[in-house]
C-alpha atoms as a PDB file:
ATOM      1  CA  MET A   1       0.000   0.000   0.000  1.00  0.00           C
ATOM      2  CA  LYS A   2       2.837   2.400   0.887  1.00  0.00           C
ATOM      3  CA  LYS A   3       4.481   1.740  -2.478  1.00  0.00           C
ATOM      4  CA  ILE A   4       1.220   2.449  -4.321  1.00  0.00           C
ATOM      5  CA  LEU A   5       0.706   5.672  -2.350  1.00  0.00           C
ATOM      6  CA  TRP A   6       4.295   6.765  -3.085  1.00  0.00           C
ATOM      7  CA  CYS A   7       3.822   6.134  -6.826  1.00  0.00           C
ATOM      8  CA  LEU A   8       0.611   8.141  -6.868  1.00  0.00           C
ATOM      9  CA  LEU A   9       2.247  11.046  -5.053  1.00  0.00           C
ATOM     10  CA  MET A  10       5.303  11.070  -7.314  1.00  0.00           C
ATOM     11  CA  ALA A  11       3.487  10.579 -10.645  1.00  0.00           C
ATOM     12  CA  PRO A  12       2.945  14.313 -11.294  1.00  0.00           C
ATOM     13  CA  PHE A  13       6.664  14.971 -10.863  1.00  0.00           C
ATOM     14  CA  PHE A  14       7.606  12.270 -13.343  1.00  0.00           C
ATOM     15  CA  CYS A  15       5.087  13.659 -15.865  1.00  0.00           C
ATOM     16  CA  ALA A  16       6.374  17.200 -15.404  1.00  0.00           C
ATOM     17  CA  ALA A  17       9.932  16.026 -15.978  1.00  0.00           C
ATOM     18  CA  GLN A  18       9.168  14.369 -19.326  1.00  0.00           C
ATOM     19  CA  SER A  19      11.770  15.412 -21.881  1.00  0.00           C
ATOM     20  CA  TYR A  20      11.302  16.135 -25.554  1.00  0.00           C
ATOM     21  CA  SER A  21      13.810  16.280 -28.375  1.00  0.00           C
ATOM     22  CA  ILE A  22      13.897  16.468 -32.166  1.00  0.00           C
ATOM     23  CA  LYS A  23      15.746  14.236 -34.621  1.00  0.00           C
ATOM     24  CA  PRO A  24      16.613  14.940 -38.283  1.00  0.00           C
ATOM     25  CA  LEU A  25      14.865  13.123 -41.113  1.00  0.00           C
ATOM     26  CA  ASN A  26      16.352  15.229 -43.916  1.00  0.00           C
ATOM     27  CA  GLU A  27      18.809  18.116 -44.212  1.00  0.00           C
ATOM     28  CA  SER A  28      19.988  17.905 -47.798  1.00  0.00           C
ATOM     29  CA  ALA A  29      17.502  19.723 -50.056  1.00  0.00           C
ATOM     30  CA  LYS A  30      18.283  23.205 -51.370  1.00  0.00           C
ATOM     31  CA  THR A  31      14.922  24.727 -50.525  1.00  0.00           C
ATOM     32  CA  SER A  32      13.176  26.674 -47.806  1.00  0.00           C
ATOM     33  CA  LEU A  33      10.280  24.492 -46.688  1.00  0.00           C
ATOM     34  CA  ARG A  34       7.007  26.081 -45.552  1.00  0.00           C
ATOM     35  CA  GLY A  35       4.379  23.678 -46.868  1.00  0.00           C
ATOM     36  CA  LEU A  36       3.876  20.523 -44.793  1.00  0.00           C
ATOM     37  CA  SER A  37       1.270  17.760 -44.948  1.00  0.00           C
ATOM     38  CA  VAL A  38       1.701  14.728 -42.683  1.00  0.00           C
ATOM     39  CA  VAL A  39      -0.716  12.108 -43.987  1.00  0.00           C
ATOM     40  CA  SER A  40       0.414   9.305 -41.673  1.00  0.00           C
ATOM     41  CA  ASP A  41       3.440   8.095 -39.740  1.00  0.00           C
ATOM     42  CA  GLN A  42       4.844   6.851 -43.069  1.00  0.00           C
ATOM     43  CA  VAL A  43       3.618   9.377 -45.673  1.00  0.00           C
ATOM     44  CA  ILE A  44       4.862  12.976 -45.425  1.00  0.00           C
ATOM     45  CA  TRP A  45       4.817  15.686 -48.102  1.00  0.00           C
ATOM     46  CA  VAL A  46       6.648  19.039 -47.988  1.00  0.00           C
ATOM     47  CA  SER A  47       6.863  21.984 -50.377  1.00  0.00           C
ATOM     48  CA  GLY A  48       8.884  25.165 -50.648  1.00  0.00           C
ATOM     49  CA  SER A  49      11.021  27.504 -52.717  1.00  0.00           C
ATOM     50  CA  ASN A  50      12.679  26.776 -56.068  1.00  0.00           C
ATOM     51  CA  GLY A  51       9.674  24.736 -57.188  1.00  0.00           C
ATOM     52  CA  SER A  52      10.503  21.999 -54.708  1.00  0.00           C
ATOM     53  CA  VAL A  53       8.241  19.218 -53.452  1.00  0.00           C
ATOM     54  CA  GLY A  54       9.448  16.388 -51.232  1.00  0.00           C
ATOM     55  CA  LYS A  55       7.803  13.089 -50.309  1.00  0.00           C
ATOM     56  CA  THR A  56       8.569  10.119 -48.106  1.00  0.00           C
ATOM     57  CA  THR A  57       6.570   6.905 -47.811  1.00  0.00           C
ATOM     58  CA  ASP A  58       8.727   5.273 -45.139  1.00  0.00           C
ATOM     59  CA  GLY A  59       8.511   7.762 -42.294  1.00  0.00           C
ATOM     60  CA  GLY A  60      11.428   9.873 -43.467  1.00  0.00           C
ATOM     61  CA  ALA A  61      14.067   7.174 -43.963  1.00  0.00           C
ATOM     62  CA  THR A  62      14.235   8.022 -47.681  1.00  0.00           C
ATOM     63  CA  TRP A  63      12.962  11.028 -49.648  1.00  0.00           C
ATOM     64  CA  LYS A  64      12.026  11.719 -53.228  1.00  0.00           C
ATOM     65  CA  TRP A  65      12.485  15.323 -54.365  1.00  0.00           C
ATOM     66  CA  LEU A  66      10.381  16.600 -57.232  1.00  0.00           C
ATOM     67  CA  LYS A  67      10.099  19.785 -59.278  1.00  0.00           C
ATOM     68  CA  PRO A  68       6.888  20.147 -61.291  1.00  0.00           C
ATOM     69  CA  LYS A  69       7.978  20.755 -64.877  1.00  0.00           C
ATOM     70  CA  GLY A  70       7.537  24.364 -65.922  1.00  0.00           C
ATOM     71  CA  TYR A  71       7.218  25.629 -62.329  1.00  0.00           C
ATOM     72  CA  GLU A  72      10.837  25.325 -61.197  1.00  0.00           C
ATOM     73  CA  LYS A  73      11.000  28.916 -59.880  1.00  0.00           C
ATOM     74  CA  ILE A  74       7.672  28.955 -58.030  1.00  0.00           C
ATOM     75  CA  ASP A  75       7.501  29.228 -54.239  1.00  0.00           C
ATOM     76  CA  PHE A  76       5.061  26.549 -53.101  1.00  0.00           C
ATOM     77  CA  ARG A  77       4.155  27.791 -49.612  1.00  0.00           C
ATOM     78  CA  ASP A  78       1.360  25.310 -48.865  1.00  0.00           C
ATOM     79  CA  ILE A  79       0.521  21.694 -49.637  1.00  0.00           C
ATOM     80  CA  GLU A  80      -2.368  19.357 -48.857  1.00  0.00           C
ATOM     81  CA  ALA A  81      -1.812  15.641 -49.389  1.00  0.00           C
ATOM     82  CA  PHE A  82      -4.469  12.940 -49.180  1.00  0.00           C
ATOM     83  CA  ASP A  83      -2.275   9.855 -49.526  1.00  0.00           C
ATOM     84  CA  ASP A  84       1.004   8.855 -51.201  1.00  0.00           C
ATOM     85  CA  ARG A  85      -0.437   9.591 -54.651  1.00  0.00           C
ATOM     86  CA  GLN A  86      -2.646  12.661 -54.399  1.00  0.00           C
ATOM     87  CA  ALA A  87      -1.523  16.142 -53.351  1.00  0.00           C
ATOM     88  CA  ILE A  88      -2.292  19.805 -54.050  1.00  0.00           C
ATOM     89  CA  ILE A  89       0.322  22.570 -53.956  1.00  0.00           C
ATOM     90  CA  VAL A  90      -0.144  26.346 -53.943  1.00  0.00           C
ATOM     91  CA  GLY A  91       2.228  28.811 -55.594  1.00  0.00           C
ATOM     92  CA  ILE A  92       1.511  32.059 -53.813  1.00  0.00           C
ATOM     93  CA  ALA A  93       2.547  35.145 -55.791  1.00  0.00           C
ATOM     94  CA  SER A  94       1.805  36.444 -59.291  1.00  0.00           C
ATOM     95  CA  PRO A  95       1.343  34.366 -61.252  1.00  0.00           C
ATOM     96  CA  ALA A  96      -0.329  32.295 -58.535  1.00  0.00           C
ATOM     97  CA  TYR A  97      -0.878  28.607 -59.281  1.00  0.00           C
ATOM     98  CA  ILE A  98      -2.734  25.646 -57.838  1.00  0.00           C
ATOM     99  CA  LEU A  99      -1.385  22.300 -59.051  1.00  0.00           C
ATOM    100  CA  LYS A 100      -2.535  18.754 -58.362  1.00  0.00           C
ATOM    101  CA  THR A 101      -0.914  15.346 -58.746  1.00  0.00           C
ATOM    102  CA  VAL A 102      -2.646  11.963 -58.705  1.00  0.00           C
ATOM    103  CA  ASP A 103       0.430   9.862 -59.478  1.00  0.00           C
ATOM    104  CA  GLY A 104       2.708  10.590 -56.541  1.00  0.00           C
ATOM    105  CA  GLY A 105       4.196  13.758 -58.014  1.00  0.00           C
ATOM    106  CA  GLU A 106       5.368  12.351 -61.334  1.00  0.00           C
ATOM    107  CA  THR A 107       3.032  14.707 -63.220  1.00  0.00           C
ATOM    108  CA  TRP A 108       1.058  17.786 -62.172  1.00  0.00           C
ATOM    109  CA  THR A 109      -2.090  19.413 -63.536  1.00  0.00           C
ATOM    110  CA  GLU A 110      -2.519  23.193 -63.405  1.00  0.00           C
ATOM    111  CA  ASN A 111      -6.034  23.774 -62.063  1.00  0.00           C
ATOM    112  CA  TYR A 112      -5.787  27.501 -61.314  1.00  0.00           C
ATOM    113  CA  LYS A 113      -3.707  30.463 -62.481  1.00  0.00           C
ATOM    114  CA  ASN A 114      -3.973  34.139 -61.535  1.00  0.00           C
ATOM    115  CA  VAL A 115      -1.717  36.765 -63.120  1.00  0.00           C
ATOM    116  CA  ASP A 116      -3.087  39.759 -61.192  1.00  0.00           C
ATOM    117  CA  SER A 117      -0.015  41.630 -59.953  1.00  0.00           C
ATOM    118  CA  ALA A 118      -1.613  41.960 -56.490  1.00  0.00           C
ATOM    119  CA  ILE A 119      -2.460  38.280 -55.984  1.00  0.00           C
ATOM    120  CA  PHE A 120      -0.830  36.565 -53.005  1.00  0.00           C
ATOM    121  CA  LEU A 121      -2.324  33.321 -51.695  1.00  0.00           C
ATOM    122  CA  ASP A 122      -1.680  32.645 -47.999  1.00  0.00           C
ATOM    123  CA  GLY A 123      -3.143  29.302 -46.986  1.00  0.00           C
ATOM    124  CA  LEU A 124      -5.114  26.212 -47.933  1.00  0.00           C
ATOM    125  CA  GLY A 125      -7.468  24.080 -45.844  1.00  0.00           C
ATOM    126  CA  PHE A 126      -9.707  21.086 -46.571  1.00  0.00           C
ATOM    127  CA  TRP A 127     -12.882  20.175 -44.683  1.00  0.00           C
ATOM    128  CA  ASP A 128     -12.853  16.698 -46.236  1.00  0.00           C
ATOM    129  CA  LYS A 129     -11.351  15.013 -49.294  1.00  0.00           C
ATOM    130  CA  SER A 130     -13.592  16.939 -51.687  1.00  0.00           C
ATOM    131  CA  LYS A 131     -14.213  20.364 -50.172  1.00  0.00           C
ATOM    132  CA  GLY A 132     -11.437  22.896 -49.598  1.00  0.00           C
ATOM    133  CA  ILE A 133     -10.755  26.634 -49.393  1.00  0.00           C
ATOM    134  CA  ILE A 134      -7.854  29.032 -50.014  1.00  0.00           C
ATOM    135  CA  PHE A 135      -7.530  32.635 -48.868  1.00  0.00           C
ATOM    136  CA  GLY A 136      -5.148  35.413 -49.877  1.00  0.00           C
ATOM    137  CA  ASP A 137      -4.015  38.951 -49.179  1.00  0.00           C
ATOM    138  CA  PRO A 138      -6.638  41.631 -49.868  1.00  0.00           C
ATOM    139  CA  ILE A 139      -7.070  43.161 -53.297  1.00  0.00           C
ATOM    140  CA  ASN A 140      -8.906  46.497 -53.100  1.00  0.00           C
ATOM    141  CA  ASP A 141      -9.634  45.729 -49.418  1.00  0.00           C
ATOM    142  CA  LYS A 142     -11.348  42.430 -50.299  1.00  0.00           C
ATOM    143  CA  MET A 143      -9.991  39.050 -49.224  1.00  0.00           C
ATOM    144  CA  PRO A 144      -9.621  36.592 -52.138  1.00  0.00           C
ATOM    145  CA  LEU A 145     -11.374  33.308 -51.385  1.00  0.00           C
ATOM    146  CA  LEU A 146     -11.256  30.216 -53.607  1.00  0.00           C
ATOM    147  CA  LYS A 147     -13.316  27.089 -53.010  1.00  0.00           C
ATOM    148  CA  THR A 148     -13.278  23.583 -54.450  1.00  0.00           C
ATOM    149  CA  THR A 149     -15.895  20.855 -54.133  1.00  0.00           C
ATOM    150  CA  ASP A 150     -14.169  18.326 -56.406  1.00  0.00           C
ATOM    151  CA  ALA A 151     -10.865  17.707 -54.586  1.00  0.00           C
ATOM    152  CA  GLY A 152      -9.057  20.584 -56.242  1.00  0.00           C
ATOM    153  CA  LYS A 153      -9.891  19.895 -59.888  1.00  0.00           C
ATOM    154  CA  THR A 154     -11.689  23.233 -60.172  1.00  0.00           C
ATOM    155  CA  TRP A 155     -11.727  26.371 -58.024  1.00  0.00           C
ATOM    156  CA  GLN A 156     -14.504  28.941 -57.709  1.00  0.00           C
ATOM    157  CA  ASP A 157     -14.064  32.550 -56.584  1.00  0.00           C
ATOM    158  CA  VAL A 158     -16.311  32.968 -53.514  1.00  0.00           C
ATOM    159  CA  SER A 159     -14.809  36.259 -52.320  1.00  0.00           C
ATOM    160  CA  ALA A 160     -18.222  37.941 -52.507  1.00  0.00           C
ATOM    161  CA  ASN A 161     -19.365  35.828 -49.549  1.00  0.00           C
ATOM    162  CA  LEU A 162     -17.082  37.824 -47.231  1.00  0.00           C
ATOM    163  CA  LYS A 163     -18.815  41.179 -47.288  1.00  0.00           C
ATOM    164  CA  LEU A 164     -16.525  42.711 -44.644  1.00  0.00           C
ATOM    165  CA  PRO A 165     -13.751  44.935 -46.061  1.00  0.00           C
ATOM    166  CA  LEU A 166     -10.272  44.567 -44.586  1.00  0.00           C
ATOM    167  CA  ALA A 167      -8.500  47.523 -42.990  1.00  0.00           C
ATOM    168  CA  LYS A 168      -5.608  49.305 -44.700  1.00  0.00           C
ATOM    169  CA  GLY A 169      -2.477  47.288 -44.031  1.00  0.00           C
ATOM    170  CA  GLU A 170      -4.397  44.192 -42.850  1.00  0.00           C
ATOM    171  CA  ALA A 171      -3.298  40.973 -44.580  1.00  0.00           C
ATOM    172  CA  GLY A 172      -2.426  37.330 -44.050  1.00  0.00           C
ATOM    173  CA  PHE A 173       0.911  35.598 -43.564  1.00  0.00           C
ATOM    174  CA  ALA A 174       2.109  32.646 -45.635  1.00  0.00           C
ATOM    175  CA  ALA A 175       4.937  31.617 -43.328  1.00  0.00           C
ATOM    176  CA  SER A 176       3.575  28.086 -42.884  1.00  0.00           C
ATOM    177  CA  GLY A 177       0.240  27.966 -44.703  1.00  0.00           C
ATOM    178  CA  THR A 178      -1.517  27.709 -41.324  1.00  0.00           C
ATOM    179  CA  THR A 179      -3.238  31.046 -40.844  1.00  0.00           C
ATOM    180  CA  ILE A 180      -6.309  29.118 -41.948  1.00  0.00           C
ATOM    181  CA  LYS A 181      -7.929  26.228 -40.057  1.00  0.00           C
ATOM    182  CA  THR A 182     -10.780  24.002 -41.229  1.00  0.00           C
ATOM    183  CA  LEU A 183     -12.793  21.440 -39.290  1.00  0.00           C
ATOM    184  CA  LEU A 184     -15.329  18.843 -40.412  1.00  0.00           C
ATOM    185  CA  GLY A 185     -18.765  20.284 -41.008  1.00  0.00           C
ATOM    186  CA  GLY A 186     -17.637  23.447 -42.734  1.00  0.00           C
ATOM    187  CA  LYS A 187     -16.114  25.430 -39.876  1.00  0.00           C
ATOM    188  CA  THR A 188     -13.318  27.763 -40.966  1.00  0.00           C
ATOM    189  CA  TRP A 189     -11.056  30.249 -39.223  1.00  0.00           C
ATOM    190  CA  VAL A 190      -8.774  32.741 -41.001  1.00  0.00           C
ATOM    191  CA  ALA A 191      -6.307  34.883 -39.044  1.00  0.00           C
ATOM    192  CA  THR A 192      -5.072  38.237 -40.363  1.00  0.00           C
ATOM    193  CA  GLY A 193      -2.379  40.575 -39.112  1.00  0.00           C
ATOM    194  CA  GLY A 194      -0.306  43.593 -40.024  1.00  0.00           C
ATOM    195  CA  THR A 195      -1.792  46.900 -38.943  1.00  0.00           C
ATOM    196  CA  VAL A 196      -4.877  45.122 -37.581  1.00  0.00           C
ATOM    197  CA  SER A 197      -5.393  41.547 -36.418  1.00  0.00           C
ATOM    198  CA  ASN A 198      -8.726  39.762 -36.834  1.00  0.00           C
ATOM    199  CA  ILE A 199     -10.154  36.257 -36.846  1.00  0.00           C
ATOM    200  CA  TYR A 200     -12.655  35.604 -39.640  1.00  0.00           C
ATOM    201  CA  PHE A 201     -14.987  32.690 -38.914  1.00  0.00           C
ATOM    202  CA  SER A 202     -17.366  30.791 -41.173  1.00  0.00           C
ATOM    203  CA  PRO A 203     -19.642  28.030 -39.820  1.00  0.00           C
ATOM    204  CA  ASP A 204     -20.883  26.923 -43.244  1.00  0.00           C
ATOM    205  CA  TYR A 205     -18.118  26.171 -45.766  1.00  0.00           C
ATOM    206  CA  GLY A 206     -17.345  29.839 -46.405  1.00  0.00           C
ATOM    207  CA  GLN A 207     -20.889  30.878 -47.238  1.00  0.00           C
ATOM    208  CA  SER A 208     -21.228  33.395 -44.380  1.00  0.00           C
ATOM    209  CA  TRP A 209     -18.645  35.056 -42.147  1.00  0.00           C
ATOM    210  CA  GLN A 210     -18.215  36.724 -38.781  1.00  0.00           C
ATOM    211  CA  VAL A 211     -15.211  38.740 -37.577  1.00  0.00           C
ATOM    212  CA  PHE A 212     -13.641  38.733 -34.103  1.00  0.00           C
ATOM    213  CA  LYS A 213     -10.835  40.934 -32.797  1.00  0.00           C
ATOM    214  CA  CYS A 214      -7.538  39.165 -32.090  1.00  0.00           C
ATOM    215  CA  PRO A 215      -5.543  41.017 -29.406  1.00  0.00           C
ATOM    216  CA  ILE A 216      -2.151  39.573 -30.390  1.00  0.00           C
ATOM    217  CA  LEU A 217       0.894  41.780 -31.099  1.00  0.00           C
ATOM    218  CA  GLN A 218      -0.044  43.937 -34.113  1.00  0.00           C
ATOM    219  CA  GLY A 219       0.285  47.370 -35.699  1.00  0.00           C
ATOM    220  CA  GLU A 220       3.206  46.811 -38.106  1.00  0.00           C
ATOM    221  CA  ASN A 221       3.487  44.951 -41.392  1.00  0.00           C
ATOM    222  CA  SER A 222       5.693  42.324 -39.723  1.00  0.00           C
ATOM    223  CA  THR A 223       3.380  41.636 -36.753  1.00  0.00           C
ATOM    224  CA  GLY A 224       0.290  39.568 -36.057  1.00  0.00           C
ATOM    225  CA  PRO A 225      -0.832  35.928 -35.996  1.00  0.00           C
ATOM    226  CA  PHE A 226       1.204  33.575 -38.180  1.00  0.00           C
ATOM    227  CA  SER A 227      -0.597  30.324 -37.321  1.00  0.00           C
ATOM    228  CA  ILE A 228      -3.901  29.193 -35.862  1.00  0.00           C
ATOM    229  CA  ASP A 229      -5.139  25.792 -34.749  1.00  0.00           C
ATOM    230  CA  PHE A 230      -8.284  24.408 -33.130  1.00  0.00           C
ATOM    231  CA  PHE A 231      -8.589  21.159 -31.228  1.00  0.00           C
ATOM    232  CA  ASN A 232     -12.372  21.352 -31.565  1.00  0.00           C
ATOM    233  CA  GLU A 233     -14.917  24.020 -32.450  1.00  0.00           C
ATOM    234  CA  LYS A 234     -14.374  25.855 -29.151  1.00  0.00           C
ATOM    235  CA  THR A 235     -10.754  25.275 -28.078  1.00  0.00           C
ATOM    236  CA  GLY A 236      -8.053  27.003 -30.079  1.00  0.00           C
ATOM    237  CA  VAL A 237      -4.665  28.686 -30.110  1.00  0.00           C
ATOM    238  CA  VAL A 238      -2.975  31.392 -32.174  1.00  0.00           C
ATOM    239  CA  VAL A 239       0.749  32.217 -32.332  1.00  0.00           C
ATOM    240  CA  GLY A 240       2.832  34.855 -34.061  1.00  0.00           C
ATOM    241  CA  GLY A 241       4.634  38.013 -33.026  1.00  0.00           C
ATOM    242  CA  ASN A 242       7.108  40.038 -35.067  1.00  0.00           C
ATOM    243  CA  TYR A 243       9.173  38.001 -37.518  1.00  0.00           C
ATOM    244  CA  LEU A 244      11.764  40.781 -37.705  1.00  0.00           C
ATOM    245  CA  LYS A 245      12.360  40.428 -33.950  1.00  0.00           C
ATOM    246  CA  ASP A 246      12.043  36.682 -33.597  1.00  0.00           C
ATOM    247  CA  LYS A 247      13.439  36.397 -30.060  1.00  0.00           C
ATOM    248  CA  GLU A 248      10.915  38.787 -28.546  1.00  0.00           C
ATOM    249  CA  ASN A 249       7.881  37.169 -26.938  1.00  0.00           C
ATOM    250  CA  SER A 250       5.594  39.969 -25.862  1.00  0.00           C
ATOM    251  CA  ASN A 251       1.986  38.955 -26.561  1.00  0.00           C
ATOM    252  CA  ASN A 252       2.664  36.373 -29.279  1.00  0.00           C
ATOM    253  CA  VAL A 253       0.466  33.456 -28.126  1.00  0.00           C
ATOM    254  CA  LEU A 254      -3.225  33.496 -27.206  1.00  0.00           C
ATOM    255  CA  LEU A 255      -5.861  30.903 -26.295  1.00  0.00           C
ATOM    256  CA  THR A 256      -9.615  30.744 -26.888  1.00  0.00           C
ATOM    257  CA  SER A 257     -12.352  28.605 -25.367  1.00  0.00           C
ATOM    258  CA  ASP A 258     -15.286  30.078 -27.288  1.00  0.00           C
ATOM    259  CA  GLY A 259     -14.393  29.425 -30.916  1.00  0.00           C
ATOM    260  CA  GLY A 260     -12.275  32.529 -31.400  1.00  0.00           C
ATOM    261  CA  LYS A 261     -14.701  35.161 -30.151  1.00  0.00           C
ATOM    262  CA  THR A 262     -12.398  36.082 -27.258  1.00  0.00           C
ATOM    263  CA  TRP A 263      -8.725  35.399 -26.562  1.00  0.00           C
ATOM    264  CA  GLN A 264      -6.592  35.230 -23.411  1.00  0.00           C
ATOM    265  CA  LYS A 265      -2.866  35.207 -22.693  1.00  0.00           C
ATOM    266  CA  PRO A 266      -1.375  32.012 -21.201  1.00  0.00           C
ATOM    267  CA  ALA A 267       0.389  31.932 -17.833  1.00  0.00           C
ATOM    268  CA  ALA A 268       3.832  31.474 -19.425  1.00  0.00           C
ATOM    269  CA  PRO A 269       4.313  32.242 -23.154  1.00  0.00           C
ATOM    270  CA  VAL A 270       6.424  30.732 -25.921  1.00  0.00           C
ATOM    271  CA  LEU A 271      10.008  31.989 -26.014  1.00  0.00           C
ATOM    272  CA  GLY A 272       9.883  34.012 -29.249  1.00  0.00           C
ATOM    273  CA  PHE A 273       8.221  34.579 -32.622  1.00  0.00           C
ATOM    274  CA  ARG A 274       6.363  31.461 -33.764  1.00  0.00           C
ATOM    275  CA  SER A 275       5.130  30.761 -37.309  1.00  0.00           C
ATOM    276  CA  ALA A 276       3.348  27.442 -36.686  1.00  0.00           C
ATOM    277  CA  VAL A 277       1.388  25.739 -33.920  1.00  0.00           C
ATOM    278  CA  THR A 278      -0.506  22.465 -33.665  1.00  0.00           C
ATOM    279  CA  TYR A 279      -2.366  20.362 -31.123  1.00  0.00           C
ATOM    280  CA  ILE A 280      -0.833  16.948 -30.501  1.00  0.00           C
ATOM    281  CA  ASN A 281      -3.741  16.109 -28.191  1.00  0.00           C
ATOM    282  CA  ALA A 282      -6.132  18.047 -25.950  1.00  0.00           C
ATOM    283  CA  LYS A 283      -3.378  18.988 -23.506  1.00  0.00           C
ATOM    284  CA  THR A 284      -0.179  18.880 -25.559  1.00  0.00           C
ATOM    285  CA  LEU A 285       0.702  21.568 -28.118  1.00  0.00           C
ATOM    286  CA  ILE A 286       3.846  22.389 -30.046  1.00  0.00           C
ATOM    287  CA  ALA A 287       4.810  25.761 -31.535  1.00  0.00           C
ATOM    288  CA  THR A 288       7.821  26.542 -33.708  1.00  0.00           C
ATOM    289  CA  GLY A 289       9.498  29.403 -35.529  1.00  0.00           C
ATOM    290  CA  THR A 290      12.830  30.806 -36.621  1.00  0.00           C
ATOM    291  CA  SER A 291      14.005  31.209 -33.002  1.00  0.00           C
ATOM    292  CA  GLY A 292      13.060  27.722 -31.842  1.00  0.00           C
ATOM    293  CA  THR A 293      10.397  25.320 -30.637  1.00  0.00           C
ATOM    294  CA  ASP A 294       8.235  25.153 -27.496  1.00  0.00           C
ATOM    295  CA  ILE A 295       5.978  22.504 -25.928  1.00  0.00           C
ATOM    296  CA  SER A 296       2.950  22.877 -23.656  1.00  0.00           C
ATOM    297  CA  THR A 297       1.466  19.949 -21.740  1.00  0.00           C
ATOM    298  CA  ASP A 298      -1.357  21.842 -20.022  1.00  0.00           C
ATOM    299  CA  GLY A 299      -3.484  23.039 -22.924  1.00  0.00           C
ATOM    300  CA  GLY A 300      -1.255  25.978 -23.812  1.00  0.00           C
ATOM    301  CA  GLN A 301      -1.096  27.677 -20.422  1.00  0.00           C
ATOM    302  CA  ASN A 302       2.620  27.068 -19.839  1.00  0.00           C
ATOM    303  CA  TRP A 303       5.293  26.583 -22.506  1.00  0.00           C
ATOM    304  CA  LYS A 304       8.696  24.904 -22.265  1.00  0.00           C
ATOM    305  CA  HIS A 305      11.473  25.692 -24.755  1.00  0.00           C
ATOM    306  CA  ILE A 306      12.974  22.483 -26.208  1.00  0.00           C
ATOM    307  CA  SER A 307      15.099  23.612 -29.175  1.00  0.00           C
ATOM    308  CA  ASP A 308      16.762  26.708 -30.659  1.00  0.00           C
ATOM    309  CA  LYS A 309      16.786  25.293 -34.194  1.00  0.00           C
ATOM    310  CA  SER A 310      14.898  27.333 -36.787  1.00  0.00           C
ATOM    311  CA  PHE A 311      11.751  25.906 -38.397  1.00  0.00           C
ATOM    312  CA  ASN A 312       8.799  27.310 -40.338  1.00  0.00           C
ATOM    313  CA  ALA A 313       6.131  24.618 -40.015  1.00  0.00           C
ATOM    314  CA  VAL A 314       4.945  21.852 -37.684  1.00  0.00           C
ATOM    315  CA  GLN A 315       2.142  19.304 -38.008  1.00  0.00           C
ATOM    316  CA  LYS A 316       0.899  16.108 -36.418  1.00  0.00           C
ATOM    317  CA  ALA A 317       0.016  13.130 -38.607  1.00  0.00           C
ATOM    318  CA  LYS A 318      -3.636  13.032 -39.645  1.00  0.00           C
ATOM    319  CA  LYS A 319      -3.556   9.282 -39.105  1.00  0.00           C
ATOM    320  CA  GLY A 320      -0.851   8.390 -36.613  1.00  0.00           C
ATOM    321  CA  LYS A 321       1.297   9.895 -33.897  1.00  0.00           C
ATOM    322  CA  SER A 322       4.247  11.461 -35.733  1.00  0.00           C
ATOM    323  CA  VAL A 323       4.893  15.174 -35.222  1.00  0.00           C
ATOM    324  CA  ILE A 324       6.984  16.703 -38.025  1.00  0.00           C
ATOM    325  CA  LEU A 325       8.804  20.044 -38.322  1.00  0.00           C
ATOM    326  CA  ALA A 326      10.116  21.629 -41.529  1.00  0.00           C
ATOM    327  CA  GLY A 327      12.225  24.680 -42.303  1.00  0.00           C
ATOM    328  CA  GLU A 328      15.261  26.177 -44.008  1.00  0.00           C
ATOM    329  CA  LYS A 329      17.732  24.246 -46.203  1.00  0.00           C
ATOM    330  CA  GLY A 330      15.320  21.364 -46.654  1.00  0.00           C
ATOM    331  CA  SER A 331      15.383  20.464 -42.976  1.00  0.00           C
ATOM    332  CA  VAL A 332      12.715  17.995 -41.856  1.00  0.00           C
ATOM    333  CA  TYR A 333      12.749  16.821 -38.227  1.00  0.00           C
ATOM    334  CA  GLN A 334      10.595  14.607 -36.042  1.00  0.00           C
ATOM    335  CA  LEU A 335       9.572  15.276 -32.458  1.00  0.00           C
ATOM    336  CA  VAL A 336      10.727  12.540 -30.118  1.00  0.00           C
ATOM    337  CA  LEU A 337       8.327  12.029 -27.209  1.00  0.00           C
END
């Protein structure tokens, strides 16, 4: 009985002392990776500068690097993969492209092109395998919105659904493709920053929208939310800061328990600017950026710094337990729990 009691009393201390580390899966590609889609513990896709797309089907032991023919200079900031064969990549700036492969990246089909000099696509999210949405920086104070209902084969302009004009200097960030979050049933959140920071929410596949203030660091072109994630329709997190001052951590992580309507500061914040955040489970979150990576094991209230290495993106496997980070010089790492 005494041994059982001792174990029960000491359990919280053992849990609190749990250590985390990261291990390299790739460091050889000449590309800055920002797009990341972790399909499973085995299948991971990444995308980035110089027209680069990377794929592994064995958990990162080996990689295949691809460059869609004719798009070798495009910066593919976001990617959504469905399995080891099908993926969609987004080239952000003019001309902006949306490409799709159904043969593992051997060939790509151009399903969207926009040559407007002001076009800049920020992020892509899918509600299910058929329905998805992309948003971009404002053009004439209106946020570009593209929607697909056929798994990315065609894209419709649904910008007119968002009747709220954006403020001067308000825009999105494409640092990791995660300033947009979608959940089953059509729920969508889009985070904007710059001079003003807002959360745009749609409950119905982008048909109607509401706007909520986001009290994160803002006011300059380099400030605001750079990533948003929701564990469910109520519980969410947003991270960001000022990417020009990536070691400063004043007001760069916030939590919500009412679907983004209101936001609160945690007890202890992340250590610096963060460009990506994701829930591992209800209590465990990971946030990363150019000045390092932090872990929270209490729902985002307290953060522990685990690495100084620079990354742009982080994501947990859709089917599985792997947590993957991606960043400069083709670096892809895995969180070791």
